Amino acid sequence: MPYTTLVSAETLNAHLGKAGWKIFDCRCSASDPSAGEERYLAGHLPSARHADLDRVLAAPPDASSGRHPLPDRQSLATWLGAEGVGNDTQVVTYDDAGGAFAARLWWLMRWLGHEAVAVLDGGLQAWQALGGSLETGETRAPDPAQFEAGPSLVAPVDIEDVAAIVQAHRPGRLIDARSPGRYRGENEPLDPVAGHIPGAENYPFSENLDPQHLFLPPEKLRERFRALSMNPGEIVHYCGSGVTACHNVLAMEHAGLHGSRLYPGSWSEWIRDPSRPVAKP
């Protein structure tokens, strides 16, 4: 059975170096675009390849998009094939931020129809706590594989769909994954407008984790999302740019609450048009 949400450091260690397993380092910094690659080169899991947020996991932004638009689907599939990922490959993604960035590649691969992808629970810290070794420099490029995108396993939501939810005054459908301060509009370090999309509720992605940055057990995650009493398939997650909101999608899937959706444009796209409403408590 493939791993489709999370994989433990112990399980990854047992499969390290085995054919059919590929590891991607998704570390990055919102304030320093070069930091992710620098951290990767300074030390990464054995055989891991770097998946850069701005160059691989997002397309260049334009005047109407959010900060991290979805990449071109075929370009991403081609990149994965060049990185040795085939349609039967078990992919593991990790970072050093509790999965905040690794979940983006997890979601993108499901967008390409690939089910066998999981986030390393606890990330780099869990690997090191286990006594796992690190490699420095860039891992040798693997032999290329054939990767074909298939029917999507996730359903992204566009800005028209979000606007319709707002206009219909449907509370509980929009979930904001950002910190409470950003949600309330008390601070906004990345975008030019503070606040949140009207009607959205705040479920910070960081609260999916325990103090060791491991995901809470499924039953605890279900309890956390207990206020969402409707069909999970009606839930739309967003954040600042469509990256950390993937963490809430992952948490719900791991909890058995299947089918919630992502608004990839998120807050940074919503505020591009000043006529769109902005809420502050």
C-alpha atoms as a PDB file:
ATOM      1  CA  MET A   1       0.000   0.000   0.000  1.00  0.00           C
ATOM      2  CA  PRO A   2       1.405   3.434  -0.849  1.00  0.00           C
ATOM      3  CA  TYR A   3       1.878   6.141   1.753  1.00  0.00           C
ATOM      4  CA  THR A   4      -0.567   8.894   0.830  1.00  0.00           C
ATOM      5  CA  THR A   5      -0.524  11.432   3.681  1.00  0.00           C
ATOM      6  CA  LEU A   6       2.311  11.047   6.197  1.00  0.00           C
ATOM      7  CA  VAL A   7       5.325   8.788   6.601  1.00  0.00           C
ATOM      8  CA  SER A   8       7.392   8.439   9.775  1.00  0.00           C
ATOM      9  CA  ALA A   9      11.148   8.882   9.982  1.00  0.00           C
ATOM     10  CA  GLU A  10      11.429   5.236  11.034  1.00  0.00           C
ATOM     11  CA  THR A  11       9.549   4.052   7.955  1.00  0.00           C
ATOM     12  CA  LEU A  12      11.574   6.256   5.634  1.00  0.00           C
ATOM     13  CA  ASN A  13      14.802   5.000   7.170  1.00  0.00           C
ATOM     14  CA  ALA A  14      13.696   1.404   6.526  1.00  0.00           C
ATOM     15  CA  HIS A  15      13.165   2.207   2.839  1.00  0.00           C
ATOM     16  CA  LEU A  16      16.111   4.555   2.336  1.00  0.00           C
ATOM     17  CA  GLY A  17      17.958   3.777  -0.872  1.00  0.00           C
ATOM     18  CA  LYS A  18      15.357   1.327  -2.115  1.00  0.00           C
ATOM     19  CA  ALA A  19      14.254   1.456  -5.727  1.00  0.00           C
ATOM     20  CA  GLY A  20      10.966   3.203  -6.239  1.00  0.00           C
ATOM     21  CA  TRP A  21      11.405   5.757  -3.430  1.00  0.00           C
ATOM     22  CA  LYS A  22      12.305   9.419  -4.085  1.00  0.00           C
ATOM     23  CA  ILE A  23      12.843  12.153  -1.490  1.00  0.00           C
ATOM     24  CA  PHE A  24      12.429  15.890  -2.071  1.00  0.00           C
ATOM     25  CA  ASP A  25      13.701  18.653   0.192  1.00  0.00           C
ATOM     26  CA  CYS A  26      11.160  21.518   0.119  1.00  0.00           C
ATOM     27  CA  ARG A  27      12.808  23.882   2.573  1.00  0.00           C
ATOM     28  CA  CYS A  28      12.434  27.579   1.826  1.00  0.00           C
ATOM     29  CA  SER A  29      12.029  30.977   3.440  1.00  0.00           C
ATOM     30  CA  ALA A  30       9.297  33.487   2.618  1.00  0.00           C
ATOM     31  CA  SER A  31      11.726  36.340   3.283  1.00  0.00           C
ATOM     32  CA  ASP A  32      14.789  34.922   1.481  1.00  0.00           C
ATOM     33  CA  PRO A  33      14.244  33.039  -1.817  1.00  0.00           C
ATOM     34  CA  SER A  34      17.784  31.633  -1.787  1.00  0.00           C
ATOM     35  CA  ALA A  35      17.631  30.245   1.759  1.00  0.00           C
ATOM     36  CA  GLY A  36      16.034  26.930   0.817  1.00  0.00           C
ATOM     37  CA  GLU A  37      18.732  25.909  -1.615  1.00  0.00           C
ATOM     38  CA  GLU A  38      21.452  27.075   0.771  1.00  0.00           C
ATOM     39  CA  ARG A  39      20.036  24.926   3.560  1.00  0.00           C
ATOM     40  CA  TYR A  40      19.740  21.990   1.191  1.00  0.00           C
ATOM     41  CA  LEU A  41      23.365  22.219   0.112  1.00  0.00           C
ATOM     42  CA  ALA A  42      24.505  22.577   3.729  1.00  0.00           C
ATOM     43  CA  GLY A  43      22.861  19.288   4.690  1.00  0.00           C
ATOM     44  CA  HIS A  44      19.951  17.177   3.467  1.00  0.00           C
ATOM     45  CA  LEU A  45      18.560  13.669   3.743  1.00  0.00           C
ATOM     46  CA  PRO A  46      20.558  11.073   1.788  1.00  0.00           C
ATOM     47  CA  SER A  47      19.642  11.029  -1.930  1.00  0.00           C
ATOM     48  CA  ALA A  48      17.177  13.915  -1.530  1.00  0.00           C
ATOM     49  CA  ARG A  49      16.750  16.388  -4.368  1.00  0.00           C
ATOM     50  CA  HIS A  50      15.754  20.007  -3.858  1.00  0.00           C
ATOM     51  CA  ALA A  51      12.295  21.222  -4.947  1.00  0.00           C
ATOM     52  CA  ASP A  52      12.449  25.016  -5.075  1.00  0.00           C
ATOM     53  CA  LEU A  53       9.199  26.793  -4.277  1.00  0.00           C
ATOM     54  CA  ASP A  54       9.623  29.713  -6.685  1.00  0.00           C
ATOM     55  CA  ARG A  55      11.314  27.883  -9.558  1.00  0.00           C
ATOM     56  CA  VAL A  56       9.486  24.527  -9.489  1.00  0.00           C
ATOM     57  CA  LEU A  57       6.451  24.509  -7.207  1.00  0.00           C
ATOM     58  CA  ALA A  58       5.005  27.791  -8.489  1.00  0.00           C
ATOM     59  CA  ALA A  59       4.772  29.771 -11.703  1.00  0.00           C
ATOM     60  CA  PRO A  60       6.019  33.363 -11.885  1.00  0.00           C
ATOM     61  CA  PRO A  61       3.367  35.736 -10.500  1.00  0.00           C
ATOM     62  CA  ASP A  62       1.695  38.327 -12.710  1.00  0.00           C
ATOM     63  CA  ALA A  63      -0.357  41.468 -12.126  1.00  0.00           C
ATOM     64  CA  SER A  64      -3.547  39.579 -11.301  1.00  0.00           C
ATOM     65  CA  SER A  65      -2.251  36.422  -9.603  1.00  0.00           C
ATOM     66  CA  GLY A  66      -1.244  35.594  -6.075  1.00  0.00           C
ATOM     67  CA  ARG A  67       2.387  35.322  -5.028  1.00  0.00           C
ATOM     68  CA  HIS A  68       2.693  31.612  -5.859  1.00  0.00           C
ATOM     69  CA  PRO A  69       0.456  30.646  -8.789  1.00  0.00           C
ATOM     70  CA  LEU A  70       0.198  26.985  -9.673  1.00  0.00           C
ATOM     71  CA  PRO A  71       2.958  25.823 -12.019  1.00  0.00           C
ATOM     72  CA  ASP A  72       2.175  24.641 -15.507  1.00  0.00           C
ATOM     73  CA  ARG A  73       0.886  21.095 -15.095  1.00  0.00           C
ATOM     74  CA  GLN A  74       2.899  19.569 -17.938  1.00  0.00           C
ATOM     75  CA  SER A  75       6.078  21.425 -16.963  1.00  0.00           C
ATOM     76  CA  LEU A  76       5.828  20.045 -13.441  1.00  0.00           C
ATOM     77  CA  ALA A  77       5.236  16.527 -14.756  1.00  0.00           C
ATOM     78  CA  THR A  78       8.282  16.847 -17.017  1.00  0.00           C
ATOM     79  CA  TRP A  79      10.422  18.055 -14.111  1.00  0.00           C
ATOM     80  CA  LEU A  80       9.323  15.119 -11.954  1.00  0.00           C
ATOM     81  CA  GLY A  81      10.233  12.675 -14.710  1.00  0.00           C
ATOM     82  CA  ALA A  82      13.656  14.290 -15.060  1.00  0.00           C
ATOM     83  CA  GLU A  83      14.081  13.862 -11.298  1.00  0.00           C
ATOM     84  CA  GLY A  84      13.517  10.120 -11.596  1.00  0.00           C
ATOM     85  CA  VAL A  85       9.865  10.012 -10.536  1.00  0.00           C
ATOM     86  CA  GLY A  86       7.713   7.517 -12.383  1.00  0.00           C
ATOM     87  CA  ASN A  87       4.029   6.829 -11.997  1.00  0.00           C
ATOM     88  CA  ASP A  88       4.780   4.001  -9.548  1.00  0.00           C
ATOM     89  CA  THR A  89       7.283   5.940  -7.433  1.00  0.00           C
ATOM     90  CA  GLN A  90       6.699   6.521  -3.726  1.00  0.00           C
ATOM     91  CA  VAL A  91       7.536  10.184  -3.181  1.00  0.00           C
ATOM     92  CA  VAL A  92       8.414  11.627   0.234  1.00  0.00           C
ATOM     93  CA  THR A  93       8.578  15.388   0.787  1.00  0.00           C
ATOM     94  CA  TYR A  94      10.040  17.156   3.801  1.00  0.00           C
ATOM     95  CA  ASP A  95      11.087  20.526   5.188  1.00  0.00           C
ATOM     96  CA  ASP A  96      12.146  21.981   8.537  1.00  0.00           C
ATOM     97  CA  ALA A  97       8.864  23.804   9.216  1.00  0.00           C
ATOM     98  CA  GLY A  98       6.517  21.031  10.249  1.00  0.00           C
ATOM     99  CA  GLY A  99       5.469  20.319   6.674  1.00  0.00           C
ATOM    100  CA  ALA A 100       4.410  23.894   5.906  1.00  0.00           C
ATOM    101  CA  PHE A 101       6.207  23.817   2.540  1.00  0.00           C
ATOM    102  CA  ALA A 102       6.460  20.073   1.951  1.00  0.00           C
ATOM    103  CA  ALA A 103       2.668  19.922   1.856  1.00  0.00           C
ATOM    104  CA  ARG A 104       2.723  22.091  -1.265  1.00  0.00           C
ATOM    105  CA  LEU A 105       4.528  19.398  -3.297  1.00  0.00           C
ATOM    106  CA  TRP A 106       2.256  16.780  -1.709  1.00  0.00           C
ATOM    107  CA  TRP A 107      -0.790  18.679  -2.971  1.00  0.00           C
ATOM    108  CA  LEU A 108       0.728  19.353  -6.403  1.00  0.00           C
ATOM    109  CA  MET A 109       1.485  15.687  -6.973  1.00  0.00           C
ATOM    110  CA  ARG A 110      -2.102  14.805  -6.101  1.00  0.00           C
ATOM    111  CA  TRP A 111      -3.120  17.528  -8.556  1.00  0.00           C
ATOM    112  CA  LEU A 112      -1.146  15.569 -11.155  1.00  0.00           C
ATOM    113  CA  GLY A 113      -3.013  12.397 -10.195  1.00  0.00           C
ATOM    114  CA  HIS A 114      -0.161  10.805  -8.200  1.00  0.00           C
ATOM    115  CA  GLU A 115      -1.423   9.084  -5.043  1.00  0.00           C
ATOM    116  CA  ALA A 116       1.833   7.663  -3.650  1.00  0.00           C
ATOM    117  CA  VAL A 117       3.152  10.852  -2.059  1.00  0.00           C
ATOM    118  CA  ALA A 118       3.581  11.559   1.656  1.00  0.00           C
ATOM    119  CA  VAL A 119       5.059  14.231   3.893  1.00  0.00           C
ATOM    120  CA  LEU A 120       7.788  13.192   6.331  1.00  0.00           C
ATOM    121  CA  ASP A 121       6.131  13.618   9.724  1.00  0.00           C
ATOM    122  CA  GLY A 122       8.333  15.889  11.814  1.00  0.00           C
ATOM    123  CA  GLY A 123      10.526  16.734   8.850  1.00  0.00           C
ATOM    124  CA  LEU A 124      14.271  17.214   9.105  1.00  0.00           C
ATOM    125  CA  GLN A 125      14.111  17.436  12.902  1.00  0.00           C
ATOM    126  CA  ALA A 126      12.457  14.013  13.217  1.00  0.00           C
ATOM    127  CA  TRP A 127      15.070  12.512  10.898  1.00  0.00           C
ATOM    128  CA  GLN A 128      17.920  13.922  12.957  1.00  0.00           C
ATOM    129  CA  ALA A 129      16.270  12.884  16.237  1.00  0.00           C
ATOM    130  CA  LEU A 130      16.270   9.335  14.881  1.00  0.00           C
ATOM    131  CA  GLY A 131      20.006   9.630  14.285  1.00  0.00           C
ATOM    132  CA  GLY A 132      19.645   9.854  10.525  1.00  0.00           C
ATOM    133  CA  SER A 133      22.651  11.092   8.585  1.00  0.00           C
ATOM    134  CA  LEU A 134      22.778  14.088   6.264  1.00  0.00           C
ATOM    135  CA  GLU A 135      24.578  14.647   2.978  1.00  0.00           C
ATOM    136  CA  THR A 136      26.055  17.931   1.810  1.00  0.00           C
ATOM    137  CA  GLY A 137      26.180  19.392  -1.666  1.00  0.00           C
ATOM    138  CA  GLU A 138      23.841  18.489  -4.474  1.00  0.00           C
ATOM    139  CA  THR A 139      22.829  14.869  -4.861  1.00  0.00           C
ATOM    140  CA  ARG A 140      23.737  13.401  -8.233  1.00  0.00           C
ATOM    141  CA  ALA A 141      20.908  13.720 -10.723  1.00  0.00           C
ATOM    142  CA  PRO A 142      18.985  10.428 -10.933  1.00  0.00           C
ATOM    143  CA  ASP A 143      18.239   8.521 -14.085  1.00  0.00           C
ATOM    144  CA  PRO A 144      15.164  10.068 -15.710  1.00  0.00           C
ATOM    145  CA  ALA A 145      11.835   8.276 -15.623  1.00  0.00           C
ATOM    146  CA  GLN A 146       8.577   8.539 -17.509  1.00  0.00           C
ATOM    147  CA  PHE A 147       5.966  10.461 -15.551  1.00  0.00           C
ATOM    148  CA  GLU A 148       2.526  11.053 -17.032  1.00  0.00           C
ATOM    149  CA  ALA A 149       0.022  13.327 -15.331  1.00  0.00           C
ATOM    150  CA  GLY A 150      -3.334  11.659 -14.749  1.00  0.00           C
ATOM    151  CA  PRO A 151      -6.785  12.667 -13.563  1.00  0.00           C
ATOM    152  CA  SER A 152      -6.459  15.018 -10.619  1.00  0.00           C
ATOM    153  CA  LEU A 153      -7.070  13.702  -7.106  1.00  0.00           C
ATOM    154  CA  VAL A 154      -7.746  17.221  -5.787  1.00  0.00           C
ATOM    155  CA  ALA A 155      -9.993  20.051  -6.914  1.00  0.00           C
ATOM    156  CA  PRO A 156      -8.531  23.567  -6.904  1.00  0.00           C
ATOM    157  CA  VAL A 157     -10.963  26.449  -6.532  1.00  0.00           C
ATOM    158  CA  ASP A 158     -10.673  29.655  -8.556  1.00  0.00           C
ATOM    159  CA  ILE A 159     -11.390  33.204  -7.505  1.00  0.00           C
ATOM    160  CA  GLU A 160     -14.864  33.213  -9.068  1.00  0.00           C
ATOM    161  CA  ASP A 161     -15.841  30.256  -6.880  1.00  0.00           C
ATOM    162  CA  VAL A 162     -14.554  32.056  -3.780  1.00  0.00           C
ATOM    163  CA  ALA A 163     -16.390  35.233  -4.715  1.00  0.00           C
ATOM    164  CA  ALA A 164     -19.602  33.211  -5.055  1.00  0.00           C
ATOM    165  CA  ILE A 165     -19.102  31.772  -1.550  1.00  0.00           C
ATOM    166  CA  VAL A 166     -18.586  35.271  -0.157  1.00  0.00           C
ATOM    167  CA  GLN A 167     -21.624  36.669  -1.952  1.00  0.00           C
ATOM    168  CA  ALA A 168     -23.799  33.793  -0.719  1.00  0.00           C
ATOM    169  CA  HIS A 169     -22.743  34.453   2.894  1.00  0.00           C
ATOM    170  CA  ARG A 170     -21.947  30.788   3.495  1.00  0.00           C
ATOM    171  CA  PRO A 171     -20.062  30.736   6.841  1.00  0.00           C
ATOM    172  CA  GLY A 172     -17.689  27.882   7.555  1.00  0.00           C
ATOM    173  CA  ARG A 173     -16.856  27.184   3.923  1.00  0.00           C
ATOM    174  CA  LEU A 174     -13.656  29.262   3.796  1.00  0.00           C
ATOM    175  CA  ILE A 175     -10.770  28.316   6.096  1.00  0.00           C
ATOM    176  CA  ASP A 176      -7.807  30.676   6.561  1.00  0.00           C
ATOM    177  CA  ALA A 177      -4.584  28.840   7.480  1.00  0.00           C
ATOM    178  CA  ARG A 178      -2.578  31.935   8.451  1.00  0.00           C
ATOM    179  CA  SER A 179      -1.668  33.041  11.964  1.00  0.00           C
ATOM    180  CA  PRO A 180      -4.398  34.695  14.057  1.00  0.00           C
ATOM    181  CA  GLY A 181      -2.644  38.066  13.846  1.00  0.00           C
ATOM    182  CA  ARG A 182      -2.607  38.027  10.054  1.00  0.00           C
ATOM    183  CA  TYR A 183      -6.194  36.765   9.919  1.00  0.00           C
ATOM    184  CA  ARG A 184      -7.339  39.597  12.184  1.00  0.00           C
ATOM    185  CA  GLY A 185      -5.383  42.152  10.166  1.00  0.00           C
ATOM    186  CA  GLU A 186      -3.188  43.127  13.102  1.00  0.00           C
ATOM    187  CA  ASN A 187      -0.020  42.509  11.104  1.00  0.00           C
ATOM    188  CA  GLU A 188       0.782  41.602   7.519  1.00  0.00           C
ATOM    189  CA  PRO A 189       4.464  40.951   6.767  1.00  0.00           C
ATOM    190  CA  LEU A 190       4.077  39.715   3.174  1.00  0.00           C
ATOM    191  CA  ASP A 191       1.075  41.297   1.446  1.00  0.00           C
ATOM    192  CA  PRO A 192       0.126  44.977   0.954  1.00  0.00           C
ATOM    193  CA  VAL A 193      -3.352  44.627   2.496  1.00  0.00           C
ATOM    194  CA  ALA A 194      -4.178  43.143   5.905  1.00  0.00           C
ATOM    195  CA  GLY A 195      -7.311  41.253   6.890  1.00  0.00           C
ATOM    196  CA  HIS A 196      -9.145  38.187   5.616  1.00  0.00           C
ATOM    197  CA  ILE A 197     -11.745  37.114   3.080  1.00  0.00           C
ATOM    198  CA  PRO A 198     -15.229  37.863   4.483  1.00  0.00           C
ATOM    199  CA  GLY A 199     -16.856  34.848   6.088  1.00  0.00           C
ATOM    200  CA  ALA A 200     -13.605  32.915   6.511  1.00  0.00           C
ATOM    201  CA  GLU A 201     -12.781  31.135   9.758  1.00  0.00           C
ATOM    202  CA  ASN A 202      -9.263  30.920  11.132  1.00  0.00           C
ATOM    203  CA  TYR A 203      -7.649  27.474  11.470  1.00  0.00           C
ATOM    204  CA  PRO A 204      -3.868  28.180  11.701  1.00  0.00           C
ATOM    205  CA  PHE A 205      -1.956  25.322  10.095  1.00  0.00           C
ATOM    206  CA  SER A 206       0.544  25.335  12.973  1.00  0.00           C
ATOM    207  CA  GLU A 207      -2.147  23.994  15.296  1.00  0.00           C
ATOM    208  CA  ASN A 208      -2.155  20.721  13.347  1.00  0.00           C
ATOM    209  CA  LEU A 209       1.158  19.947  15.072  1.00  0.00           C
ATOM    210  CA  ASP A 210       2.322  18.931  18.517  1.00  0.00           C
ATOM    211  CA  PRO A 211       5.306  20.568  20.290  1.00  0.00           C
ATOM    212  CA  GLN A 212       7.707  18.254  18.414  1.00  0.00           C
ATOM    213  CA  HIS A 213       6.270  19.441  15.076  1.00  0.00           C
ATOM    214  CA  LEU A 214       4.645  16.061  14.489  1.00  0.00           C
ATOM    215  CA  PHE A 215       1.091  15.936  13.175  1.00  0.00           C
ATOM    216  CA  LEU A 216      -1.551  15.368  15.807  1.00  0.00           C
ATOM    217  CA  PRO A 217      -3.207  11.921  15.744  1.00  0.00           C
ATOM    218  CA  PRO A 218      -6.140  11.603  13.333  1.00  0.00           C
ATOM    219  CA  GLU A 219      -8.693  11.657  16.155  1.00  0.00           C
ATOM    220  CA  LYS A 220      -7.236  14.914  17.504  1.00  0.00           C
ATOM    221  CA  LEU A 221      -7.287  16.451  14.040  1.00  0.00           C
ATOM    222  CA  ARG A 222     -10.917  15.429  13.630  1.00  0.00           C
ATOM    223  CA  GLU A 223     -11.661  17.086  16.951  1.00  0.00           C
ATOM    224  CA  ARG A 224      -9.851  20.220  15.830  1.00  0.00           C
ATOM    225  CA  PHE A 225     -11.984  20.471  12.712  1.00  0.00           C
ATOM    226  CA  ARG A 226     -15.159  19.445  14.573  1.00  0.00           C
ATOM    227  CA  ALA A 227     -16.801  22.836  13.946  1.00  0.00           C
ATOM    228  CA  LEU A 228     -16.856  22.032  10.234  1.00  0.00           C
ATOM    229  CA  SER A 229     -20.036  20.010  10.373  1.00  0.00           C
ATOM    230  CA  MET A 230     -20.801  20.068   6.651  1.00  0.00           C
ATOM    231  CA  ASN A 231     -19.416  17.792   3.950  1.00  0.00           C
ATOM    232  CA  PRO A 232     -15.596  18.170   3.920  1.00  0.00           C
ATOM    233  CA  GLY A 233     -15.852  18.491   0.138  1.00  0.00           C
ATOM    234  CA  GLU A 234     -17.466  21.899   0.650  1.00  0.00           C
ATOM    235  CA  ILE A 235     -14.487  23.265   2.595  1.00  0.00           C
ATOM    236  CA  VAL A 236     -12.114  25.640   0.778  1.00  0.00           C
ATOM    237  CA  HIS A 237      -8.692  26.342   2.306  1.00  0.00           C
ATOM    238  CA  TYR A 238      -6.569  29.409   1.664  1.00  0.00           C
ATOM    239  CA  CYS A 239      -3.572  31.199   3.178  1.00  0.00           C
ATOM    240  CA  GLY A 240      -1.328  33.997   1.951  1.00  0.00           C
ATOM    241  CA  SER A 241      -0.268  32.468  -1.358  1.00  0.00           C
ATOM    242  CA  GLY A 242      -1.660  28.922  -1.532  1.00  0.00           C
ATOM    243  CA  VAL A 243       1.299  27.185   0.126  1.00  0.00           C
ATOM    244  CA  THR A 244       0.635  26.649   3.829  1.00  0.00           C
ATOM    245  CA  ALA A 245      -3.095  26.105   3.211  1.00  0.00           C
ATOM    246  CA  CYS A 246      -2.048  22.730   1.752  1.00  0.00           C
ATOM    247  CA  HIS A 247      -1.122  21.792   5.322  1.00  0.00           C
ATOM    248  CA  ASN A 248      -4.788  22.009   6.358  1.00  0.00           C
ATOM    249  CA  VAL A 249      -5.819  19.937   3.322  1.00  0.00           C
ATOM    250  CA  LEU A 250      -3.242  17.323   4.346  1.00  0.00           C
ATOM    251  CA  ALA A 251      -4.396  17.372   7.975  1.00  0.00           C
ATOM    252  CA  MET A 252      -8.009  16.802   6.989  1.00  0.00           C
ATOM    253  CA  GLU A 253      -7.057  13.964   4.639  1.00  0.00           C
ATOM    254  CA  HIS A 254      -4.949  12.341   7.356  1.00  0.00           C
ATOM    255  CA  ALA A 255      -7.925  12.675   9.720  1.00  0.00           C
ATOM    256  CA  GLY A 256     -10.186  10.884   7.256  1.00  0.00           C
ATOM    257  CA  LEU A 257     -12.038  14.078   6.327  1.00  0.00           C
ATOM    258  CA  HIS A 258     -11.648  13.684   2.592  1.00  0.00           C
ATOM    259  CA  GLY A 259     -12.237  16.050  -0.276  1.00  0.00           C
ATOM    260  CA  SER A 260     -11.546  19.553   1.050  1.00  0.00           C
ATOM    261  CA  ARG A 261     -10.280  21.918  -1.614  1.00  0.00           C
ATOM    262  CA  LEU A 262      -7.552  24.522  -2.082  1.00  0.00           C
ATOM    263  CA  TYR A 263      -7.872  28.088  -3.311  1.00  0.00           C
ATOM    264  CA  PRO A 264      -4.377  28.394  -4.832  1.00  0.00           C
ATOM    265  CA  GLY A 265      -4.521  32.156  -5.403  1.00  0.00           C
ATOM    266  CA  SER A 266      -5.364  32.754  -1.742  1.00  0.00           C
ATOM    267  CA  TRP A 267      -5.221  36.116   0.026  1.00  0.00           C
ATOM    268  CA  SER A 268      -2.487  37.589  -2.198  1.00  0.00           C
ATOM    269  CA  GLU A 269      -4.690  37.084  -5.274  1.00  0.00           C
ATOM    270  CA  TRP A 270      -7.925  38.167  -3.572  1.00  0.00           C
ATOM    271  CA  ILE A 271      -6.528  41.609  -2.727  1.00  0.00           C
ATOM    272  CA  ARG A 272      -5.231  42.315  -6.246  1.00  0.00           C
ATOM    273  CA  ASP A 273      -8.599  43.903  -7.042  1.00  0.00           C
ATOM    274  CA  PRO A 274      -9.398  46.683  -4.538  1.00  0.00           C
ATOM    275  CA  SER A 275     -13.127  46.244  -5.199  1.00  0.00           C
ATOM    276  CA  ARG A 276     -13.108  42.844  -3.486  1.00  0.00           C
ATOM    277  CA  PRO A 277     -14.255  43.065   0.122  1.00  0.00           C
ATOM    278  CA  VAL A 278     -11.806  42.708   3.000  1.00  0.00           C
ATOM    279  CA  ALA A 279     -12.819  41.786   6.547  1.00  0.00           C
ATOM    280  CA  LYS A 280     -11.217  42.624   9.869  1.00  0.00           C
ATOM    281  CA  PRO A 281     -12.790  41.649  13.194  1.00  0.00           C
END
